Amino acid sequence: MKPETLIREVRQIGYQIRVKDEDILLTWTKEGHPPAETITPLLLLLKQQKGAILEYLRGEDEIKSDEQFSLPWGESMQVNHKKRLISEGRVQRVKMAPVKIYSRLFNEEIYIVADREEMEALVSKGIKEAIYQAWEIPVLKGKNKESLGAVHQIKKLFPGSALA
């Protein structure tokens, strides 16, 4: 399993995952206990792929030069001097809110959300439209209409479903 896929699955289950020195730290963010039957195999994979996981997580903290950030006074800009601005606390990543848009491809409205937590919140409110997580959009880019249609139908039939 690719490091980014493994990290995404661990986060979707309900863990916050971060790096401290040479350690991978997991924090359970939901109520109750984590599902042992689901998380145990993923923890073994995290341990086996520790080097690649650390490298990937450290790369998440780097900011690309064209990333958008919210400045304290409410404007956004493209960041060129990324590490210095972050370390000085002068910029922060912009949190995406759920967005409802009309899809010309599917001739209906769809939702795009930042993460699984936002998806689950919409599903719990009874939203019937298909919901896509932001990370899924680039994965679907370039797929043919039949493939996109199949994914869309699955998302409508199984609210809260995500690409594997």
Protein backbone atom coordinates (compact mmCIF):
# COMPACT_ATOMS: atom_id res chain seq x y z
CA MET A 1 0.00 0.00 0.00
CA LYS A 2 1.29 3.47 -0.87
CA PRO A 3 2.21 5.70 2.11
CA GLU A 4 -0.40 8.32 1.17
CA THR A 5 -3.13 5.66 0.93
CA LEU A 6 -2.17 4.15 4.28
CA ILE A 7 -2.09 7.56 5.98
CA ARG A 8 -5.47 8.47 4.44
CA GLU A 9 -7.04 5.24 5.72
CA VAL A 10 -5.66 5.76 9.23
CA ARG A 11 -7.05 9.31 9.23
CA GLN A 12 -10.44 8.17 7.89
CA ILE A 13 -10.78 5.69 10.74
CA GLY A 14 -10.39 8.57 13.19
CA TYR A 15 -6.73 9.05 13.98
CA GLN A 16 -4.67 12.20 13.79
CA ILE A 17 -1.21 11.26 12.52
CA ARG A 18 1.91 13.40 12.86
CA VAL A 19 5.68 13.22 13.17
CA LYS A 20 7.83 14.00 16.20
CA ASP A 21 11.55 13.56 15.59
CA GLU A 22 11.80 9.98 14.26
CA ASP A 23 8.46 8.80 15.63
CA ILE A 24 5.00 8.54 14.09
CA LEU A 25 2.42 9.73 16.63
CA LEU A 26 -1.22 8.66 16.44
CA THR A 27 -4.03 10.31 18.41
CA TRP A 28 -7.54 8.84 18.48
CA THR A 29 -9.97 11.71 17.75
CA LYS A 30 -13.34 10.02 18.05
CA GLU A 31 -15.41 8.87 21.03
CA GLY A 32 -15.06 5.32 22.30
CA HIS A 33 -12.33 2.97 21.22
CA PRO A 34 -10.74 2.52 17.80
CA PRO A 35 -11.89 -0.52 15.81
CA ALA A 36 -9.08 -3.01 16.57
CA GLU A 37 -9.93 -5.32 13.66
CA THR A 38 -9.52 -2.41 11.24
CA ILE A 39 -6.61 -0.50 12.75
CA THR A 40 -4.32 -3.41 13.77
CA PRO A 41 -3.35 -4.38 10.19
CA LEU A 42 -2.84 -0.70 9.32
CA LEU A 43 -0.57 -0.20 12.35
CA LEU A 44 1.55 -3.14 11.21
CA LEU A 45 1.86 -1.55 7.77
CA LEU A 46 2.78 1.80 9.35
CA LYS A 47 5.56 0.05 11.27
CA GLN A 48 6.81 -1.82 8.18
CA GLN A 49 6.81 1.35 6.06
CA LYS A 50 8.01 3.74 8.77
CA GLY A 51 10.72 5.37 6.64
CA ALA A 52 8.39 6.07 3.71
CA ILE A 53 5.60 7.22 6.05
CA LEU A 54 7.93 9.66 7.84
CA GLU A 55 9.14 11.02 4.51
CA TYR A 56 5.58 11.48 3.23
CA LEU A 57 4.34 13.15 6.44
CA ARG A 58 7.30 15.52 6.50
CA GLY A 59 6.52 16.42 2.88
CA GLU A 60 2.94 17.30 3.89
CA ASP A 61 4.33 20.06 6.08
CA GLU A 62 6.11 21.63 3.15
CA ILE A 63 4.13 24.20 1.27
CA LYS A 64 4.18 24.43 -2.48
CA SER A 65 4.89 27.87 -3.87
CA ASP A 66 1.43 28.20 -5.40
CA GLU A 67 -0.56 27.12 -2.33
CA GLN A 68 -3.13 29.59 -1.04
CA PHE A 69 -3.09 30.74 2.57
CA SER A 70 -5.24 32.94 4.71
CA LEU A 71 -3.47 35.90 6.23
CA PRO A 72 -4.54 37.36 9.57
CA TRP A 73 -6.23 40.31 7.86
CA GLY A 74 -8.37 37.99 5.72
CA GLU A 75 -6.61 38.22 2.36
CA SER A 76 -4.96 35.31 0.60
CA MET A 77 -1.73 35.21 -1.34
CA GLN A 78 0.67 32.86 -3.02
CA VAL A 79 3.48 31.97 -0.65
CA ASN A 80 7.06 32.11 -1.91
CA HIS A 81 8.90 32.35 1.41
CA LYS A 82 6.98 29.47 2.90
CA LYS A 83 9.01 28.10 5.81
CA ARG A 84 9.86 31.52 7.23
CA LEU A 85 6.25 32.70 7.05
CA ILE A 86 4.97 29.54 8.70
CA SER A 87 7.60 29.54 11.43
CA GLU A 88 6.79 33.18 12.18
CA GLY A 89 3.09 32.29 12.36
CA ARG A 90 2.25 34.83 9.67
CA VAL A 91 0.27 32.43 7.47
CA GLN A 92 -2.02 29.47 7.95
CA ARG A 93 -3.58 26.93 5.63
CA VAL A 94 -7.11 27.72 4.47
CA LYS A 95 -9.71 25.22 5.71
CA MET A 96 -12.13 24.22 2.99
CA ALA A 97 -15.86 24.26 3.78
CA PRO A 98 -18.27 21.84 2.09
CA VAL A 99 -19.20 23.15 -1.35
CA LYS A 100 -22.34 22.29 -3.32
CA ILE A 101 -21.92 22.67 -7.08
CA TYR A 102 -23.85 21.77 -10.21
CA SER A 103 -22.10 19.11 -12.29
CA ARG A 104 -22.72 19.45 -16.00
CA LEU A 105 -21.27 15.98 -16.49
CA PHE A 106 -23.90 14.37 -14.21
CA ASN A 107 -26.62 17.03 -14.71
CA GLU A 108 -27.14 17.32 -10.97
CA GLU A 109 -25.72 18.91 -7.85
CA ILE A 110 -22.83 17.30 -5.96
CA TYR A 111 -20.92 18.15 -2.79
CA ILE A 112 -17.15 18.50 -2.45
CA VAL A 113 -15.76 18.29 1.09
CA ALA A 114 -12.30 18.53 2.61
CA ASP A 115 -12.23 15.19 4.40
CA ARG A 116 -14.09 12.11 5.57
CA GLU A 117 -15.30 13.86 8.73
CA GLU A 118 -17.12 16.51 6.68
CA MET A 119 -18.51 13.79 4.42
CA GLU A 120 -19.88 11.86 7.39
CA ALA A 121 -21.43 15.06 8.79
CA LEU A 122 -23.33 15.63 5.52
CA VAL A 123 -24.42 11.98 5.35
CA SER A 124 -25.71 12.18 8.95
CA LYS A 125 -27.79 15.21 7.92
CA GLY A 126 -29.47 13.09 5.25
CA ILE A 127 -27.83 14.67 2.20
CA LYS A 128 -28.79 12.55 -0.81
CA GLU A 129 -26.49 14.10 -3.43
CA ALA A 130 -23.17 12.42 -4.21
CA ILE A 131 -20.34 13.63 -1.97
CA TYR A 132 -16.73 13.76 -3.13
CA GLN A 133 -13.71 14.38 -0.94
CA ALA A 134 -11.31 16.98 -2.35
CA TRP A 135 -8.50 14.42 -2.73
CA GLU A 136 -10.73 12.30 -5.00
CA ILE A 137 -11.10 14.99 -7.69
CA PRO A 138 -7.50 14.79 -9.01
CA VAL A 139 -7.70 10.97 -8.88
CA LEU A 140 -10.76 11.05 -11.16
CA LYS A 141 -9.32 13.61 -13.55
CA GLY A 142 -8.74 12.12 -17.00
CA LYS A 143 -11.04 9.11 -16.50
CA ASN A 144 -13.54 8.34 -19.24
CA LYS A 145 -17.25 9.20 -18.89
CA GLU A 146 -18.27 5.59 -18.26
CA SER A 147 -15.83 5.22 -15.36
CA LEU A 148 -16.88 8.56 -13.88
CA GLY A 149 -20.53 7.59 -14.25
CA ALA A 150 -19.93 4.30 -12.43
CA VAL A 151 -18.14 6.05 -9.55
CA HIS A 152 -20.93 8.62 -9.36
CA GLN A 153 -23.64 5.96 -9.19
CA ILE A 154 -21.78 4.17 -6.38
CA LYS A 155 -21.46 7.44 -4.46
CA LYS A 156 -25.22 8.00 -4.82
CA LEU A 157 -26.14 4.44 -3.83
CA PHE A 158 -23.69 4.29 -0.92
CA PRO A 159 -23.58 7.71 0.78
CA GLY A 160 -20.22 8.35 2.42
CA SER A 161 -18.32 5.98 0.13
CA ALA A 162 -14.80 6.94 -0.92
CA LEU A 163 -12.35 5.82 -3.57
CA ALA A 164 -9.90 3.13 -2.52
